[in-house]
Every structure is written in structure tokens, then in C-alpha cells.
């Protein structure tokens, strides 16, 4: 009912990194009355954001869930370097007069 979509594609010499959201299936729409216009602001509650990494010669990683408090990843120069993301004030429920950035880093397990 709400299609999945790619939010960003980043690459370095060894990796391709894809940021995307998984969409919302029809059952979730029906069970939560999301077809009603007044419930459309609830979409972010049900959208799951993911990061997936392709490493040349090794294939795709597992899906990494991006926390809902992250609105958008600004850029990823390399899978081995820290990167920045913007806080999702709408999801947190706090409106600020300033922007909050998160500094993030991928850790290999």
C-alpha cells in the first residue's frame, strides 16, 4: 500500500551502501486504518528504514535497521569512516528551533 523506496546510495572503493525504507504492507494499512486521511500522519510509525552494504567480492550484508529517530543520512564517504545524520524531530515529538545532527559509525561484528 505504501511502496518501498531507496533514500540514498553511497559508495567508496570497496563498498556500495544503500539506505532505504521497506514500505507498508496492505495488512498494516487495514489493521491501523491508514486508508483514512486523518491517519496519514501515522505512516512514519510503520515505515522501517534500513541500510545494506555490498562489499566487492563478498556480497551483501544483512539489513541494518536505522533507528526511527534518524530522519535522513546526509552522506557516507566510506563504510570505515564516521558519517552524519539528521534527527527526526517529528518522530521524537519535539520541535526545536535548531537542528540536531548525529555522528554515526558502522561497526563490523
PDB file of N, CA and C in Angstrom:
ATOM      1  N   UNK A   1       0.812  -1.193   0.000  1.00  0.00           N
ATOM      2  CA  UNK A   1       0.000   0.000   0.000  1.00  0.00           C
ATOM      3  C   UNK A   1       0.862   1.266   0.000  1.00  0.00           C
ATOM      4  N   UNK A   2       2.030   1.190   0.609  1.00  0.00           N
ATOM      5  CA  UNK A   2       2.977   2.303   0.556  1.00  0.00           C
ATOM      6  C   UNK A   2       4.286   1.674   0.118  1.00  0.00           C
ATOM      7  N   UNK A   3       4.712   2.000  -1.077  1.00  0.00           N
ATOM      8  CA  UNK A   3       5.841   1.305  -1.688  1.00  0.00           C
ATOM      9  C   UNK A   3       7.158   1.598  -0.994  1.00  0.00           C
ATOM     10  N   UNK A   4       8.015   0.577  -1.011  1.00  0.00           N
ATOM     11  CA  UNK A   4       9.382   0.734  -0.515  1.00  0.00           C
ATOM     12  C   UNK A   4      10.127   1.678  -1.455  1.00  0.00           C
ATOM     13  N   UNK A   5      11.185   2.292  -0.947  1.00  0.00           N
ATOM     14  CA  UNK A   5      11.942   3.208  -1.782  1.00  0.00           C
ATOM     15  C   UNK A   5      13.357   3.404  -1.289  1.00  0.00           C
ATOM     16  N   UNK A   6      14.226   3.715  -2.204  1.00  0.00           N
ATOM     17  CA  UNK A   6      15.624   3.981  -1.872  1.00  0.00           C
ATOM     18  C   UNK A   6      15.748   5.439  -1.469  1.00  0.00           C
ATOM     19  N   UNK A   7      16.448   5.686  -0.356  1.00  0.00           N
ATOM     20  CA  UNK A   7      16.647   7.045   0.142  1.00  0.00           C
ATOM     21  C   UNK A   7      18.024   7.581  -0.216  1.00  0.00           C
ATOM     22  N   UNK A   8      18.992   6.692  -0.383  1.00  0.00           N
ATOM     23  CA  UNK A   8      20.330   7.150  -0.719  1.00  0.00           C
ATOM     24  C   UNK A   8      21.222   5.998  -1.147  1.00  0.00           C
ATOM     25  N   UNK A   9      22.160   6.277  -2.046  1.00  0.00           N
ATOM     26  CA  UNK A   9      23.167   5.309  -2.471  1.00  0.00           C
ATOM     27  C   UNK A   9      24.522   5.981  -2.325  1.00  0.00           C
ATOM     28  N   UNK A  10      25.416   5.305  -1.627  1.00  0.00           N
ATOM     29  CA  UNK A  10      26.744   5.848  -1.340  1.00  0.00           C
ATOM     30  C   UNK A  10      27.767   4.783  -1.734  1.00  0.00           C
ATOM     31  N   UNK A  11      28.966   5.218  -2.079  1.00  0.00           N
ATOM     32  CA  UNK A  11      29.982   4.228  -2.433  1.00  0.00           C
ATOM     33  C   UNK A  11      31.371   4.733  -2.087  1.00  0.00           C
ATOM     34  N   UNK A  12      32.269   3.773  -1.905  1.00  0.00           N
ATOM     35  CA  UNK A  12      33.695   4.051  -1.784  1.00  0.00           C
ATOM     36  C   UNK A  12      34.409   3.015  -2.655  1.00  0.00           C
ATOM     37  N   UNK A  13      35.689   2.847  -2.484  1.00  0.00           N
ATOM     38  CA  UNK A  13      36.450   1.934  -3.344  1.00  0.00           C
ATOM     39  C   UNK A  13      36.010   0.475  -3.224  1.00  0.00           C
ATOM     40  N   UNK A  14      35.533   0.064  -2.045  1.00  0.00           N
ATOM     41  CA  UNK A  14      35.219  -1.343  -1.809  1.00  0.00           C
ATOM     42  C   UNK A  14      33.741  -1.636  -1.554  1.00  0.00           C
ATOM     43  N   UNK A  15      32.924  -0.604  -1.335  1.00  0.00           N
ATOM     44  CA  UNK A  15      31.549  -0.815  -0.902  1.00  0.00           C
ATOM     45  C   UNK A  15      30.541  -0.002  -1.709  1.00  0.00           C
ATOM     46  N   UNK A  16      29.332  -0.523  -1.762  1.00  0.00           N
ATOM     47  CA  UNK A  16      28.163   0.240  -2.187  1.00  0.00           C
ATOM     48  C   UNK A  16      27.202   0.146  -1.000  1.00  0.00           C
ATOM     49  N   UNK A  17      26.748   1.288  -0.513  1.00  0.00           N
ATOM     50  CA  UNK A  17      25.881   1.345   0.662  1.00  0.00           C
ATOM     51  C   UNK A  17      24.542   1.923   0.233  1.00  0.00           C
ATOM     52  N   UNK A  18      23.469   1.215   0.558  1.00  0.00           N
ATOM     53  CA  UNK A  18      22.130   1.627   0.162  1.00  0.00           C
ATOM     54  C   UNK A  18      21.294   1.875   1.411  1.00  0.00           C
ATOM     55  N   UNK A  19      20.655   3.041   1.469  1.00  0.00           N
ATOM     56  CA  UNK A  19      19.717   3.391   2.531  1.00  0.00           C
ATOM     57  C   UNK A  19      18.322   3.365   1.914  1.00  0.00           C
ATOM     58  N   UNK A  20      17.399   2.642   2.565  1.00  0.00           N
ATOM     59  CA  UNK A  20      16.049   2.521   2.000  1.00  0.00           C
ATOM     60  C   UNK A  20      15.015   2.304   3.095  1.00  0.00           C
ATOM     61  N   UNK A  21      13.741   2.486   2.730  1.00  0.00           N
ATOM     62  CA  UNK A  21      12.662   2.152   3.651  1.00  0.00           C
ATOM     63  C   UNK A  21      11.855   1.024   3.034  1.00  0.00           C
ATOM     64  N   UNK A  22      11.286   0.169   3.899  1.00  0.00           N
ATOM     65  CA  UNK A  22      10.650  -1.060   3.446  1.00  0.00           C
ATOM     66  C   UNK A  22       9.205  -0.943   3.024  1.00  0.00           C
ATOM     67  N   UNK A  23       8.603   0.220   3.131  1.00  0.00           N
ATOM     68  CA  UNK A  23       7.211   0.372   2.739  1.00  0.00           C
ATOM     69  C   UNK A  23       6.261  -0.108   3.830  1.00  0.00           C
ATOM     70  N   UNK A  24       4.971  -0.072   3.533  1.00  0.00           N
ATOM     71  CA  UNK A  24       3.933  -0.517   4.469  1.00  0.00           C
ATOM     72  C   UNK A  24       3.022  -1.472   3.709  1.00  0.00           C
ATOM     73  N   UNK A  25       2.846  -2.679   4.229  1.00  0.00           N
ATOM     74  CA  UNK A  25       2.021  -3.666   3.536  1.00  0.00           C
ATOM     75  C   UNK A  25       0.527  -3.419   3.753  1.00  0.00           C
ATOM     76  N   UNK A  26      -0.283  -4.084   2.940  1.00  0.00           N
ATOM     77  CA  UNK A  26      -1.727  -3.890   2.961  1.00  0.00           C
ATOM     78  C   UNK A  26      -2.377  -4.246   4.285  1.00  0.00           C
ATOM     79  N   UNK A  27      -1.920  -5.332   4.935  1.00  0.00           N
ATOM     80  CA  UNK A  27      -2.497  -5.728   6.225  1.00  0.00           C
ATOM     81  C   UNK A  27      -2.289  -4.650   7.280  1.00  0.00           C
ATOM     82  N   UNK A  28      -1.117  -4.050   7.299  1.00  0.00           N
ATOM     83  CA  UNK A  28      -0.834  -2.980   8.263  1.00  0.00           C
ATOM     84  C   UNK A  28      -1.749  -1.790   8.004  1.00  0.00           C
ATOM     85  N   UNK A  29      -1.977  -1.480   6.724  1.00  0.00           N
ATOM     86  CA  UNK A  29      -2.886  -0.384   6.372  1.00  0.00           C
ATOM     87  C   UNK A  29      -4.286  -0.635   6.925  1.00  0.00           C
ATOM     88  N   UNK A  30      -4.792  -1.846   6.702  1.00  0.00           N
ATOM     89  CA  UNK A  30      -6.146  -2.189   7.133  1.00  0.00           C
ATOM     90  C   UNK A  30      -6.238  -2.217   8.661  1.00  0.00           C
ATOM     91  N   UNK A  31      -5.287  -2.887   9.315  1.00  0.00           N
ATOM     92  CA  UNK A  31      -5.331  -3.052  10.780  1.00  0.00           C
ATOM     93  C   UNK A  31      -5.215  -1.740  11.538  1.00  0.00           C
ATOM     94  N   UNK A  32      -4.620  -0.716  10.921  1.00  0.00           N
ATOM     95  CA  UNK A  32      -4.397   0.565  11.596  1.00  0.00           C
ATOM     96  C   UNK A  32      -5.159   1.718  10.963  1.00  0.00           C
ATOM     97  N   UNK A  33      -6.126   1.399  10.118  1.00  0.00           N
ATOM     98  CA  UNK A  33      -6.965   2.406   9.453  1.00  0.00           C
ATOM     99  C   UNK A  33      -6.153   3.496   8.760  1.00  0.00           C
ATOM    100  N   UNK A  34      -5.077   3.100   8.108  1.00  0.00           N
ATOM    101  CA  UNK A  34      -4.216   4.076   7.447  1.00  0.00           C
ATOM    102  C   UNK A  34      -4.797   4.588   6.132  1.00  0.00           C
ATOM    103  N   UNK A  35      -5.876   3.976   5.678  1.00  0.00           N
ATOM    104  CA  UNK A  35      -6.542   4.468   4.471  1.00  0.00           C
ATOM    105  C   UNK A  35      -7.287   5.773   4.747  1.00  0.00           C
ATOM    106  N   UNK A  36      -7.600   6.017   6.005  1.00  0.00           N
ATOM    107  CA  UNK A  36      -8.296   7.246   6.387  1.00  0.00           C
ATOM    108  C   UNK A  36      -7.325   8.425   6.332  1.00  0.00           C
ATOM    109  N   UNK A  37      -7.751   9.492   5.727  1.00  0.00           N
ATOM    110  CA  UNK A  37      -6.910  10.670   5.540  1.00  0.00           C
ATOM    111  C   UNK A  37      -6.337  11.200   6.862  1.00  0.00           C
ATOM    112  N   UNK A  38      -7.127  11.187   7.917  1.00  0.00           N
ATOM    113  CA  UNK A  38      -6.649  11.734   9.198  1.00  0.00           C
ATOM    114  C   UNK A  38      -5.546  10.872   9.825  1.00  0.00           C
ATOM    115  N   UNK A  39      -5.366   9.630   9.345  1.00  0.00           N
ATOM    116  CA  UNK A  39      -4.324   8.755   9.884  1.00  0.00           C
ATOM    117  C   UNK A  39      -3.035   8.777   9.074  1.00  0.00           C
ATOM    118  N   UNK A  40      -2.997   9.508   7.977  1.00  0.00           N
ATOM    119  CA  UNK A  40      -1.784   9.550   7.154  1.00  0.00           C
ATOM    120  C   UNK A  40      -0.553  10.071   7.914  1.00  0.00           C
ATOM    121  N   UNK A  41      -0.698  10.962   8.905  1.00  0.00           N
ATOM    122  CA  UNK A  41       0.499  11.354   9.667  1.00  0.00           C
ATOM    123  C   UNK A  41       1.111  10.203  10.477  1.00  0.00           C
ATOM    124  N   UNK A  42       0.412   9.081  10.587  1.00  0.00           N
ATOM    125  CA  UNK A  42       0.936   7.931  11.324  1.00  0.00           C
ATOM    126  C   UNK A  42       1.858   7.053  10.480  1.00  0.00           C
ATOM    127  N   UNK A  43       2.002   7.323   9.188  1.00  0.00           N
ATOM    128  CA  UNK A  43       2.848   6.499   8.321  1.00  0.00           C
ATOM    129  C   UNK A  43       4.247   6.277   8.899  1.00  0.00           C
ATOM    130  N   UNK A  44       4.925   7.316   9.411  1.00  0.00           N
ATOM    131  CA  UNK A  44       6.275   7.100   9.931  1.00  0.00           C
ATOM    132  C   UNK A  44       6.356   6.067  11.062  1.00  0.00           C
ATOM    133  N   UNK A  45       5.264   5.841  11.771  1.00  0.00           N
ATOM    134  CA  UNK A  45       5.259   4.827  12.824  1.00  0.00           C
ATOM    135  C   UNK A  45       5.494   3.430  12.250  1.00  0.00           C
ATOM    136  N   UNK A  46       5.104   3.220  11.003  1.00  0.00           N
ATOM    137  CA  UNK A  46       5.131   1.894  10.404  1.00  0.00           C
ATOM    138  C   UNK A  46       6.230   1.715   9.355  1.00  0.00           C
ATOM    139  N   UNK A  47       6.882   2.794   8.964  1.00  0.00           N
ATOM    140  CA  UNK A  47       7.978   2.693   7.997  1.00  0.00           C
ATOM    141  C   UNK A  47       9.255   2.292   8.723  1.00  0.00           C
ATOM    142  N   UNK A  48       9.882   1.254   8.241  1.00  0.00           N
ATOM    143  CA  UNK A  48      11.166   0.812   8.790  1.00  0.00           C
ATOM    144  C   UNK A  48      12.253   1.203   7.799  1.00  0.00           C
ATOM    145  N   UNK A  49      13.313   1.842   8.305  1.00  0.00           N
ATOM    146  CA  UNK A  49      14.422   2.270   7.463  1.00  0.00           C
ATOM    147  C   UNK A  49      15.598   1.319   7.656  1.00  0.00           C
ATOM    148  N   UNK A  50      16.282   1.033   6.556  1.00  0.00           N
ATOM    149  CA  UNK A  50      17.365   0.062   6.575  1.00  0.00           C
ATOM    150  C   UNK A  50      18.600   0.601   5.862  1.00  0.00           C
ATOM    151  N   UNK A  51      19.723  -0.037   6.174  1.00  0.00           N
ATOM    152  CA  UNK A  51      20.987   0.213   5.497  1.00  0.00           C
ATOM    153  C   UNK A  51      21.516  -1.164   5.120  1.00  0.00           C
ATOM    154  N   UNK A  52      21.992  -1.297   3.894  1.00  0.00           N
ATOM    155  CA  UNK A  52      22.557  -2.561   3.448  1.00  0.00           C
ATOM    156  C   UNK A  52      23.844  -2.240   2.702  1.00  0.00           C
ATOM    157  N   UNK A  53      24.855  -3.059   2.905  1.00  0.00           N
ATOM    158  CA  UNK A  53      26.182  -2.790   2.345  1.00  0.00           C
ATOM    159  C   UNK A  53      26.606  -3.932   1.431  1.00  0.00           C
ATOM    160  N   UNK A  54      27.044  -3.568   0.239  1.00  0.00           N
ATOM    161  CA  UNK A  54      27.610  -4.544  -0.678  1.00  0.00           C
ATOM    162  C   UNK A  54      29.119  -4.364  -0.658  1.00  0.00           C
ATOM    163  N   UNK A  55      29.827  -5.423  -0.313  1.00  0.00           N
ATOM    164  CA  UNK A  55      31.292  -5.387  -0.315  1.00  0.00           C
ATOM    165  C   UNK A  55      31.765  -6.205  -1.512  1.00  0.00           C
ATOM    166  N   UNK A  56      32.547  -5.573  -2.378  1.00  0.00           N
ATOM    167  CA  UNK A  56      33.030  -6.226  -3.584  1.00  0.00           C
ATOM    168  C   UNK A  56      33.747  -7.521  -3.222  1.00  0.00           C
ATOM    169  N   UNK A  57      33.354  -8.598  -3.868  1.00  0.00           N
ATOM    170  CA  UNK A  57      33.964  -9.899  -3.631  1.00  0.00           C
ATOM    171  C   UNK A  57      33.322 -10.694  -2.503  1.00  0.00           C
ATOM    172  N   UNK A  58      32.470 -10.064  -1.681  1.00  0.00           N
ATOM    173  CA  UNK A  58      31.851 -10.774  -0.560  1.00  0.00           C
ATOM    174  C   UNK A  58      30.331 -10.755  -0.603  1.00  0.00           C
ATOM    175  N   UNK A  59      29.734  -9.839  -1.335  1.00  0.00           N
ATOM    176  CA  UNK A  59      28.278  -9.786  -1.453  1.00  0.00           C
ATOM    177  C   UNK A  59      27.638  -8.825  -0.456  1.00  0.00           C
ATOM    178  N   UNK A  60      26.320  -9.002  -0.264  1.00  0.00           N
ATOM    179  CA  UNK A  60      25.517  -8.091   0.556  1.00  0.00           C
ATOM    180  C   UNK A  60      25.573  -8.458   2.030  1.00  0.00           C
ATOM    181  N   UNK A  61      25.539  -7.454   2.866  1.00  0.00           N
ATOM    182  CA  UNK A  61      25.450  -7.635   4.310  1.00  0.00           C
ATOM    183  C   UNK A  61      24.002  -7.918   4.698  1.00  0.00           C
ATOM    184  N   UNK A  62      23.783  -8.210   5.959  1.00  0.00           N
ATOM    185  CA  UNK A  62      22.422  -8.270   6.487  1.00  0.00           C
ATOM    186  C   UNK A  62      21.860  -6.857   6.514  1.00  0.00           C
ATOM    187  N   UNK A  63      20.535  -6.757   6.642  1.00  0.00           N
ATOM    188  CA  UNK A  63      19.916  -5.441   6.783  1.00  0.00           C
ATOM    189  C   UNK A  63      20.255  -4.864   8.152  1.00  0.00           C
ATOM    190  N   UNK A  64      20.660  -3.619   8.156  1.00  0.00           N
ATOM    191  CA  UNK A  64      20.880  -2.892   9.399  1.00  0.00           C
ATOM    192  C   UNK A  64      19.701  -1.956   9.582  1.00  0.00           C
ATOM    193  N   UNK A  65      19.018  -2.053  10.701  1.00  0.00           N
ATOM    194  CA  UNK A  65      17.865  -1.187  10.941  1.00  0.00           C
ATOM    195  C   UNK A  65      18.349   0.186  11.377  1.00  0.00           C
ATOM    196  N   UNK A  66      17.870   1.210  10.705  1.00  0.00           N
ATOM    197  CA  UNK A  66      18.173   2.587  11.078  1.00  0.00           C
ATOM    198  C   UNK A  66      17.121   3.004  12.095  1.00  0.00           C
ATOM    199  N   UNK A  67      17.520   3.471  13.271  1.00  0.00           N
ATOM    200  CA  UNK A  67      16.528   3.870  14.287  1.00  0.00           C
ATOM    201  C   UNK A  67      15.579   4.944  13.763  1.00  0.00           C
ATOM    202  N   UNK A  68      14.346   4.901  14.236  1.00  0.00           N
ATOM    203  CA  UNK A  68      13.321   5.850  13.783  1.00  0.00           C
ATOM    204  C   UNK A  68      13.653   7.292  14.137  1.00  0.00           C
ATOM    205  N   UNK A  69      14.539   7.506  15.105  1.00  0.00           N
ATOM    206  CA  UNK A  69      14.898   8.872  15.465  1.00  0.00           C
ATOM    207  C   UNK A  69      15.837   9.515  14.450  1.00  0.00           C
ATOM    208  N   UNK A  70      16.272   8.746  13.438  1.00  0.00           N
ATOM    209  CA  UNK A  70      17.099   9.272  12.346  1.00  0.00           C
ATOM    210  C   UNK A  70      16.178   9.648  11.196  1.00  0.00           C
ATOM    211  N   UNK A  71      16.226  10.909  10.779  1.00  0.00           N
ATOM    212  CA  UNK A  71      15.387  11.358   9.659  1.00  0.00           C
ATOM    213  C   UNK A  71      16.038  11.024   8.328  1.00  0.00           C
ATOM    214  N   UNK A  72      17.298  11.407   8.175  1.00  0.00           N
ATOM    215  CA  UNK A  72      17.991  11.194   6.903  1.00  0.00           C
ATOM    216  C   UNK A  72      19.494  11.124   7.152  1.00  0.00           C
ATOM    217  N   UNK A  73      20.139  10.256   6.408  1.00  0.00           N
ATOM    218  CA  UNK A  73      21.598  10.178   6.433  1.00  0.00           C
ATOM    219  C   UNK A  73      22.096  11.194   5.414  1.00  0.00           C
ATOM    220  N   UNK A  74      23.007  12.037   5.841  1.00  0.00           N
ATOM    221  CA  UNK A  74      23.441  13.127   4.962  1.00  0.00           C
ATOM    222  C   UNK A  74      24.439  12.675   3.902  1.00  0.00           C
ATOM    223  N   UNK A  75      25.400  11.834   4.279  1.00  0.00           N
ATOM    224  CA  UNK A  75      26.369  11.332   3.323  1.00  0.00           C
ATOM    225  C   UNK A  75      27.200  10.262   4.011  1.00  0.00           C
ATOM    226  N   UNK A  76      27.655   9.305   3.241  1.00  0.00           N
ATOM    227  CA  UNK A  76      28.598   8.303   3.739  1.00  0.00           C
ATOM    228  C   UNK A  76      29.753   8.283   2.756  1.00  0.00           C
ATOM    229  N   UNK A  77      30.911   8.771   3.185  1.00  0.00           N
ATOM    230  CA  UNK A  77      32.094   8.789   2.325  1.00  0.00           C
ATOM    231  C   UNK A  77      32.713   7.409   2.202  1.00  0.00           C
ATOM    232  N   UNK A  78      32.670   6.662   3.315  1.00  0.00           N
ATOM    233  CA  UNK A  78      33.286   5.347   3.361  1.00  0.00           C
ATOM    234  C   UNK A  78      32.616   4.538   4.459  1.00  0.00           C
ATOM    235  N   UNK A  79      32.550   3.228   4.260  1.00  0.00           N
ATOM    236  CA  UNK A  79      31.972   2.356   5.284  1.00  0.00           C
ATOM    237  C   UNK A  79      32.849   2.311   6.531  1.00  0.00           C
ATOM    238  N   UNK A  80      34.079   2.749   6.402  1.00  0.00           N
ATOM    239  CA  UNK A  80      35.030   2.700   7.515  1.00  0.00           C
ATOM    240  C   UNK A  80      35.177   4.025   8.251  1.00  0.00           C
ATOM    241  N   UNK A  81      34.452   5.061   7.825  1.00  0.00           N
ATOM    242  CA  UNK A  81      34.568   6.390   8.452  1.00  0.00           C
ATOM    243  C   UNK A  81      33.242   6.795   9.078  1.00  0.00           C
ATOM    244  N   UNK A  82      33.282   7.648  10.117  1.00  0.00           N
ATOM    245  CA  UNK A  82      32.030   8.175  10.685  1.00  0.00           C
ATOM    246  C   UNK A  82      31.275   9.018   9.652  1.00  0.00           C
ATOM    247  N   UNK A  83      29.965   9.114   9.832  1.00  0.00           N
ATOM    248  CA  UNK A  83      29.131   9.923   8.951  1.00  0.00           C
ATOM    249  C   UNK A  83      28.057  10.598   9.797  1.00  0.00           C
ATOM    250  N   UNK A  84      27.303  11.503   9.181  1.00  0.00           N
ATOM    251  CA  UNK A  84      26.321  12.299   9.925  1.00  0.00           C
ATOM    252  C   UNK A  84      24.901  12.039   9.445  1.00  0.00           C
ATOM    253  N   UNK A  85      23.966  12.195  10.373  1.00  0.00           N
ATOM    254  CA  UNK A  85      22.537  12.046  10.070  1.00  0.00           C
ATOM    255  C   UNK A  85      21.771  13.125  10.822  1.00  0.00           C
ATOM    256  N   UNK A  86      20.611  13.466  10.315  1.00  0.00           N
ATOM    257  CA  UNK A  86      19.757  14.488  10.912  1.00  0.00           C
ATOM    258  C   UNK A  86      18.692  13.817  11.778  1.00  0.00           C
ATOM    259  N   UNK A  87      18.437  14.371  12.950  1.00  0.00           N
ATOM    260  CA  UNK A  87      17.435  13.828  13.860  1.00  0.00           C
ATOM    261  C   UNK A  87      16.034  14.047  13.307  1.00  0.00           C
ATOM    262  N   UNK A  88      15.154  13.082  13.539  1.00  0.00           N
ATOM    263  CA  UNK A  88      13.766  13.151  13.112  1.00  0.00           C
ATOM    264  C   UNK A  88      12.929  13.741  14.243  1.00  0.00           C
ATOM    265  N   UNK A  89      12.803  15.058  14.299  1.00  0.00           N
ATOM    266  CA  UNK A  89      12.049  15.729  15.361  1.00  0.00           C
ATOM    267  C   UNK A  89      10.579  15.333  15.365  1.00  0.00           C
ATOM    268  N   UNK A  90      10.003  15.064  14.182  1.00  0.00           N
ATOM    269  CA  UNK A  90       8.596  14.664  14.109  1.00  0.00           C
ATOM    270  C   UNK A  90       8.360  13.351  14.841  1.00  0.00           C
ATOM    271  N   UNK A  91       9.255  12.387  14.657  1.00  0.00           N
ATOM    272  CA  UNK A  91       9.086  11.098  15.309  1.00  0.00           C
ATOM    273  C   UNK A  91       9.292  11.203  16.820  1.00  0.00           C
ATOM    274  N   UNK A  92      10.268  11.978  17.228  1.00  0.00           N
ATOM    275  CA  UNK A  92      10.566  12.132  18.655  1.00  0.00           C
ATOM    276  C   UNK A  92       9.475  12.934  19.348  1.00  0.00           C
ATOM    277  N   UNK A  93       8.801  13.797  18.585  1.00  0.00           N
ATOM    278  CA  UNK A  93       7.716  14.590  19.164  1.00  0.00           C
ATOM    279  C   UNK A  93       8.195  15.882  19.790  1.00  0.00           C
ATOM    280  N   UNK A  94       9.394  16.300  19.443  1.00  0.00           N
ATOM    281  CA  UNK A  94       9.951  17.557  19.955  1.00  0.00           C
ATOM    282  C   UNK A  94      10.257  18.472  18.790  1.00  0.00           C
ATOM    283  N   UNK A  95       9.708  19.653  18.817  1.00  0.00           N
ATOM    284  CA  UNK A  95      10.041  20.635  17.791  1.00  0.00           C
ATOM    285  C   UNK A  95      11.039  21.608  18.400  1.00  0.00           C
ATOM    286  N   UNK A  96      12.154  21.764  17.736  1.00  0.00           N
ATOM    287  CA  UNK A  96      13.228  22.613  18.245  1.00  0.00           C
ATOM    288  C   UNK A  96      13.445  23.794  17.295  1.00  0.00           C
ATOM    289  N   UNK A  97      14.102  24.817  17.797  1.00  0.00           N
ATOM    290  CA  UNK A  97      14.478  25.960  16.975  1.00  0.00           C
ATOM    291  C   UNK A  97      15.844  25.748  16.332  1.00  0.00           C
ATOM    292  N   UNK A  98      16.375  24.553  16.475  1.00  0.00           N
ATOM    293  CA  UNK A  98      17.694  24.232  15.932  1.00  0.00           C
ATOM    294  C   UNK A  98      17.668  22.795  15.411  1.00  0.00           C
ATOM    295  N   UNK A  99      18.667  22.450  14.630  1.00  0.00           N
ATOM    296  CA  UNK A  99      18.787  21.106  14.085  1.00  0.00           C
ATOM    297  C   UNK A  99      19.724  20.281  14.964  1.00  0.00           C
ATOM    298  N   UNK A 100      19.433  19.007  15.081  1.00  0.00           N
ATOM    299  CA  UNK A 100      20.308  18.105  15.824  1.00  0.00           C
ATOM    300  C   UNK A 100      20.876  17.087  14.847  1.00  0.00           C
ATOM    301  N   UNK A 101      22.190  16.961  14.835  1.00  0.00           N
ATOM    302  CA  UNK A 101      22.883  16.010  13.986  1.00  0.00           C
ATOM    303  C   UNK A 101      23.451  14.900  14.852  1.00  0.00           C
ATOM    304  N   UNK A 102      23.448  13.695  14.314  1.00  0.00           N
ATOM    305  CA  UNK A 102      24.079  12.560  14.973  1.00  0.00           C
ATOM    306  C   UNK A 102      25.337  12.196  14.178  1.00  0.00           C
ATOM    307  N   UNK A 103      26.391  11.890  14.901  1.00  0.00           N
ATOM    308  CA  UNK A 103      27.587  11.354  14.274  1.00  0.00           C
ATOM    309  C   UNK A 103      27.542   9.848  14.490  1.00  0.00           C
ATOM    310  N   UNK A 104      27.535   9.110  13.386  1.00  0.00           N
ATOM    311  CA  UNK A 104      27.379   7.659  13.430  1.00  0.00           C
ATOM    312  C   UNK A 104      28.583   6.957  12.826  1.00  0.00           C
ATOM    313  N   UNK A 105      28.783   5.711  13.215  1.00  0.00           N
ATOM    314  CA  UNK A 105      29.858   4.913  12.644  1.00  0.00           C
ATOM    315  C   UNK A 105      29.403   3.465  12.584  1.00  0.00           C
ATOM    316  N   UNK A 106      29.680   2.817  11.471  1.00  0.00           N
ATOM    317  CA  UNK A 106      29.343   1.406  11.302  1.00  0.00           C
ATOM    318  C   UNK A 106      30.407   0.557  11.978  1.00  0.00           C
ATOM    319  N   UNK A 107      29.968  -0.423  12.752  1.00  0.00           N
ATOM    320  CA  UNK A 107      30.891  -1.324  13.432  1.00  0.00           C
ATOM    321  C   UNK A 107      30.676  -2.735  12.879  1.00  0.00           C
ATOM    322  N   UNK A 108      31.741  -3.381  12.519  1.00  0.00           N
ATOM    323  CA  UNK A 108      31.662  -4.736  11.987  1.00  0.00           C
ATOM    324  C   UNK A 108      31.560  -5.730  13.140  1.00  0.00           C
ATOM    325  N   UNK A 109      30.664  -6.702  13.000  1.00  0.00           N
ATOM    326  CA  UNK A 109      30.511  -7.746  14.028  1.00  0.00           C
ATOM    327  C   UNK A 109      31.125  -9.038  13.557  1.00  0.00           C
TER     328      UNK A 109
END
